[in-house]
Amino acid sequence: MDANGIDQSIISPVPDYEDPRGVADSAALNDLVADAVRRWPDRFPRGFGVVEPRHGPDALPEVDRALGELGLAGLMFHSDYAGVSLDHPSTFAIVERAARYKGVVILAHVFQHSILMAPFQLMRLADAFPGVTFIAANPMMTSTDSPAAFYMAAKCPNILFDTALTHTHLWPLEKGVKAIGADRMLFGSDSPYYTKCLDKYMLERADISAEDREKIFGGNAKRVFAL
């Protein structure tokens, strides 16, 4: 973060963690995130937990522990790593439990060419839980993904969109501001999978207004996470 000029981060477990102990390994990661938020609130003001649909009904108590006891802001899903689709009944059950918590945010990775986390699968969740705020993670990785993101934005007002791994050509950020609206876009760094954060570089140089840039870099996150 220091090397890339990033002052604060909303953090979550990385999606490709190993879980030979099942729910216990998810719980250990949730503890790690909660501990970081507790110890360094100036750097990590909020954190996401993880509850895996592949663990079935046994995972549901961890929703309550993560969002209740640990006080995490929401849950992260990466269905390609999980091996269970974003619109699987187990995922619906987890989000239904999470929806009991005021202000909960669901961060869900999407990819147009995936059979487990295609944009329409996130739309199904967003339609089913209109009172929940969803963030589509990595929604503009290719020039095919971007139009799908713009379509999601038009159909599901409770989905926001991060900027992590945005493709570099054809002005995706500028088109995103026009199609989605700067109020629904959040800077995403995709840490720790880089040395130099190109997503930050792109946003700094995008042909958008200074006001919209400030919203995307941090203003919207302050609103969404009640900071």
Protein backbone atom coordinates (compact mmCIF):
# COMPACT_ATOMS: atom_id res chain seq x y z
CA MET A 1 0.00 0.00 0.00
CA ASP A 2 2.75 2.47 0.91
CA ALA A 3 4.69 1.71 -2.27
CA ASN A 4 1.61 2.50 -4.37
CA GLY A 5 0.32 5.50 -2.43
CA ILE A 6 -2.75 3.74 -1.07
CA ASP A 7 -3.69 5.08 2.35
CA GLN A 8 -6.56 2.80 3.33
CA SER A 9 -7.99 -0.51 2.14
CA ILE A 10 -11.16 -2.47 2.66
CA ILE A 11 -9.53 -5.89 2.99
CA SER A 12 -10.68 -9.46 2.54
CA PRO A 13 -9.22 -12.96 2.48
CA VAL A 14 -7.54 -13.86 -0.80
CA PRO A 15 -9.84 -16.22 -2.72
CA ASP A 16 -7.31 -18.95 -3.52
CA TYR A 17 -6.66 -20.04 0.06
CA GLU A 18 -6.45 -23.72 0.97
CA ASP A 19 -9.16 -25.15 3.21
CA PRO A 20 -8.43 -28.82 4.04
CA ARG A 21 -10.23 -28.29 7.37
CA GLY A 22 -13.32 -26.83 5.71
CA VAL A 23 -15.17 -24.17 7.68
CA ALA A 24 -12.35 -23.97 10.23
CA ASP A 25 -10.00 -22.58 7.59
CA SER A 26 -12.53 -19.97 6.51
CA ALA A 27 -12.96 -19.01 10.15
CA ALA A 28 -9.20 -18.63 10.59
CA LEU A 29 -9.06 -16.19 7.68
CA ASN A 30 -12.01 -14.24 9.05
CA ASP A 31 -10.19 -13.98 12.36
CA LEU A 32 -7.09 -12.70 10.54
CA VAL A 33 -9.05 -9.96 8.74
CA ALA A 34 -10.92 -8.95 11.89
CA ASP A 35 -7.64 -8.77 13.81
CA ALA A 36 -6.11 -6.47 11.18
CA VAL A 37 -9.16 -4.17 11.30
CA ARG A 38 -8.95 -4.08 15.09
CA ARG A 39 -5.19 -3.45 15.23
CA TRP A 40 -4.84 -0.98 12.36
CA PRO A 41 -8.18 0.79 11.88
CA ASP A 42 -6.45 3.77 10.28
CA ARG A 43 -5.24 1.53 7.42
CA PHE A 44 -8.00 -1.10 7.34
CA PRO A 45 -11.25 0.60 8.42
CA ARG A 46 -13.46 -2.30 7.26
CA GLY A 47 -13.00 -5.91 6.25
CA PHE A 48 -14.79 -8.67 4.36
CA GLY A 49 -15.14 -12.22 5.54
CA VAL A 50 -15.46 -15.41 3.53
CA VAL A 51 -18.02 -18.20 3.83
CA GLU A 52 -17.80 -20.95 1.22
CA PRO A 53 -20.92 -22.34 -0.50
CA ARG A 54 -19.09 -25.64 -1.01
CA HIS A 55 -19.24 -26.21 2.75
CA GLY A 56 -23.02 -26.38 2.57
CA PRO A 57 -25.30 -25.77 5.58
CA ASP A 58 -22.35 -26.21 7.97
CA ALA A 59 -21.06 -22.85 6.74
CA LEU A 60 -24.10 -20.82 7.82
CA PRO A 61 -23.07 -20.30 11.47
CA GLU A 62 -19.86 -18.67 10.21
CA VAL A 63 -21.99 -16.00 8.53
CA ASP A 64 -23.31 -14.96 11.92
CA ARG A 65 -19.89 -15.15 13.55
CA ALA A 66 -18.20 -13.10 10.81
CA LEU A 67 -20.86 -10.40 10.55
CA GLY A 68 -21.96 -10.46 14.18
CA GLU A 69 -19.21 -11.40 16.61
CA LEU A 70 -16.30 -10.24 14.43
CA GLY A 71 -18.10 -7.18 13.08
CA LEU A 72 -16.97 -7.60 9.48
CA ALA A 73 -18.66 -5.45 6.83
CA GLY A 74 -19.68 -8.21 4.46
CA LEU A 75 -18.68 -11.36 2.59
CA MET A 76 -16.51 -12.09 -0.44
CA PHE A 77 -17.28 -14.71 -3.11
CA HIS A 78 -15.02 -15.99 -5.89
CA SER A 79 -16.95 -18.81 -7.48
CA ASP A 80 -14.23 -19.97 -9.89
CA TYR A 81 -12.03 -20.74 -6.90
CA ALA A 82 -14.93 -22.05 -4.82
CA GLY A 83 -16.12 -24.46 -7.50
CA VAL A 84 -19.76 -23.64 -6.71
CA SER A 85 -21.72 -21.21 -8.87
CA LEU A 86 -22.61 -17.73 -7.76
CA ASP A 87 -26.31 -18.55 -8.16
CA HIS A 88 -26.16 -21.96 -6.47
CA PRO A 89 -28.75 -22.59 -3.71
CA SER A 90 -25.92 -22.72 -1.16
CA THR A 91 -24.80 -19.23 -2.18
CA PHE A 92 -28.37 -17.98 -1.94
CA ALA A 93 -28.64 -19.44 1.57
CA ILE A 94 -25.47 -17.64 2.68
CA VAL A 95 -26.59 -14.29 1.26
CA GLU A 96 -30.05 -14.75 2.78
CA ARG A 97 -28.43 -15.19 6.20
CA ALA A 98 -26.11 -12.22 5.60
CA ALA A 99 -29.04 -10.01 4.57
CA ARG A 100 -30.22 -10.03 8.19
CA TYR A 101 -27.36 -7.65 9.03
CA LYS A 102 -27.89 -3.94 8.44
CA GLY A 103 -25.61 -2.40 5.84
CA VAL A 104 -24.05 -5.70 4.76
CA VAL A 105 -22.03 -5.61 1.53
CA ILE A 106 -21.46 -8.62 -0.72
CA LEU A 107 -18.33 -8.55 -2.89
CA ALA A 108 -18.72 -11.03 -5.75
CA HIS A 109 -16.20 -11.62 -8.53
CA VAL A 110 -17.66 -11.87 -12.02
CA PHE A 111 -16.31 -12.89 -15.40
CA GLN A 112 -18.28 -12.97 -18.63
CA HIS A 113 -16.68 -16.22 -19.84
CA SER A 114 -17.08 -18.15 -16.58
CA ILE A 115 -19.67 -20.86 -16.08
CA LEU A 116 -19.63 -20.27 -12.32
CA MET A 117 -19.61 -16.47 -11.93
CA ALA A 118 -21.06 -14.98 -15.10
CA PRO A 119 -22.69 -11.54 -14.74
CA PHE A 120 -26.23 -12.92 -15.02
CA GLN A 121 -25.59 -15.07 -11.95
CA LEU A 122 -24.78 -11.99 -9.87
CA MET A 123 -27.88 -10.33 -11.29
CA ARG A 124 -29.98 -13.21 -9.99
CA LEU A 125 -28.65 -12.59 -6.47
CA ALA A 126 -29.11 -8.83 -6.73
CA ASP A 127 -32.70 -9.27 -7.91
CA ALA A 128 -33.45 -11.67 -5.05
CA PHE A 129 -31.99 -9.35 -2.38
CA PRO A 130 -32.75 -5.77 -3.46
CA GLY A 131 -31.93 -4.43 0.01
CA VAL A 132 -28.37 -5.75 -0.08
CA THR A 133 -25.49 -3.80 -1.62
CA PHE A 134 -23.41 -5.89 -4.02
CA ILE A 135 -20.03 -5.03 -5.48
CA ALA A 136 -19.07 -6.68 -8.76
CA ALA A 137 -15.34 -7.38 -8.50
CA ASN A 138 -13.11 -7.32 -11.60
CA PRO A 139 -16.14 -6.51 -13.79
CA MET A 140 -14.23 -4.91 -16.68
CA MET A 141 -11.36 -7.32 -17.30
CA THR A 142 -11.98 -7.49 -21.06
CA SER A 143 -13.78 -5.48 -23.72
CA THR A 144 -16.54 -8.12 -23.55
CA ASP A 145 -16.89 -7.85 -19.78
CA SER A 146 -17.36 -4.08 -19.82
CA PRO A 147 -20.63 -4.09 -21.81
CA ALA A 148 -21.90 -6.83 -19.50
CA ALA A 149 -21.10 -4.59 -16.53
CA PHE A 150 -22.93 -1.69 -18.13
CA TYR A 151 -25.96 -3.93 -18.68
CA MET A 152 -25.87 -5.10 -15.04
CA ALA A 153 -25.75 -1.49 -13.90
CA ALA A 154 -28.85 -0.61 -15.89
CA LYS A 155 -30.83 -3.59 -14.59
CA CYS A 156 -29.68 -3.84 -10.95
CA PRO A 157 -29.37 -0.55 -9.04
CA ASN A 158 -27.98 -2.33 -5.96
CA ILE A 159 -24.82 -3.47 -7.77
CA LEU A 160 -21.69 -1.31 -7.60
CA PHE A 161 -18.55 -1.95 -9.65
CA ASP A 162 -14.87 -1.94 -8.76
CA THR A 163 -12.02 -0.99 -11.08
CA ALA A 164 -9.62 -3.85 -10.36
CA LEU A 165 -8.04 -5.51 -13.42
CA THR A 166 -9.82 -3.22 -15.86
CA HIS A 167 -8.69 -3.76 -19.46
CA THR A 168 -6.42 -1.03 -20.79
CA HIS A 169 -7.77 -0.25 -24.25
CA LEU A 170 -10.92 1.45 -25.57
CA TRP A 171 -11.38 3.85 -22.62
CA PRO A 172 -13.20 1.49 -20.23
CA LEU A 173 -13.13 3.83 -17.23
CA GLU A 174 -14.45 6.78 -19.20
CA LYS A 175 -17.20 4.61 -20.69
CA GLY A 176 -17.91 3.19 -17.24
CA VAL A 177 -18.47 6.62 -15.74
CA LYS A 178 -20.94 7.42 -18.52
CA ALA A 179 -22.79 4.08 -18.45
CA ILE A 180 -22.63 3.18 -14.76
CA GLY A 181 -22.17 6.55 -13.11
CA ALA A 182 -19.24 7.61 -10.96
CA ASP A 183 -21.38 7.21 -7.82
CA ARG A 184 -21.45 3.42 -8.34
CA MET A 185 -17.75 2.81 -9.06
CA LEU A 186 -15.10 1.94 -6.48
CA PHE A 187 -11.34 1.80 -6.86
CA GLY A 188 -10.06 -1.75 -6.50
CA SER A 189 -6.35 -2.48 -6.28
CA ASP A 190 -6.38 -6.30 -6.59
CA SER A 191 -3.66 -6.50 -3.95
CA PRO A 192 -1.59 -8.64 -3.37
CA TYR A 193 -1.31 -9.77 -6.99
CA TYR A 194 0.94 -6.98 -8.28
CA THR A 195 4.04 -4.91 -7.59
CA LYS A 196 2.92 -1.72 -9.34
CA CYS A 197 -0.82 -1.00 -9.15
CA LEU A 198 -1.71 -0.30 -12.78
CA ASP A 199 -5.38 0.16 -11.87
CA LYS A 200 -4.43 3.22 -9.81
CA TYR A 201 -2.29 4.54 -12.66
CA MET A 202 -5.20 4.17 -15.11
CA LEU A 203 -7.67 5.93 -12.85
CA GLU A 204 -5.28 8.80 -12.17
CA ARG A 205 -5.00 9.42 -15.92
CA ALA A 206 -8.57 8.69 -17.01
CA ASP A 207 -10.32 11.50 -18.87
CA ILE A 208 -12.94 12.12 -16.17
CA SER A 209 -13.64 15.02 -13.84
CA ALA A 210 -11.68 15.52 -10.64
CA GLU A 211 -14.95 15.15 -8.71
CA ASP A 212 -15.68 11.77 -10.27
CA ARG A 213 -12.11 10.62 -9.69
CA GLU A 214 -12.37 11.50 -6.00
CA LYS A 215 -15.62 9.59 -5.66
CA ILE A 216 -14.13 6.47 -7.23
CA PHE A 217 -10.85 6.65 -5.31
CA GLY A 218 -12.48 6.92 -1.89
CA GLY A 219 -15.62 9.01 -1.57
CA ASN A 220 -17.97 6.21 -2.58
CA ALA A 221 -16.29 3.74 -0.26
CA LYS A 222 -16.79 6.13 2.65
CA ARG A 223 -20.51 6.18 1.85
CA VAL A 224 -20.94 2.45 1.21
CA PHE A 225 -19.01 1.39 4.32
CA ALA A 226 -20.29 4.21 6.57
CA LEU A 227 -16.84 5.68 7.23
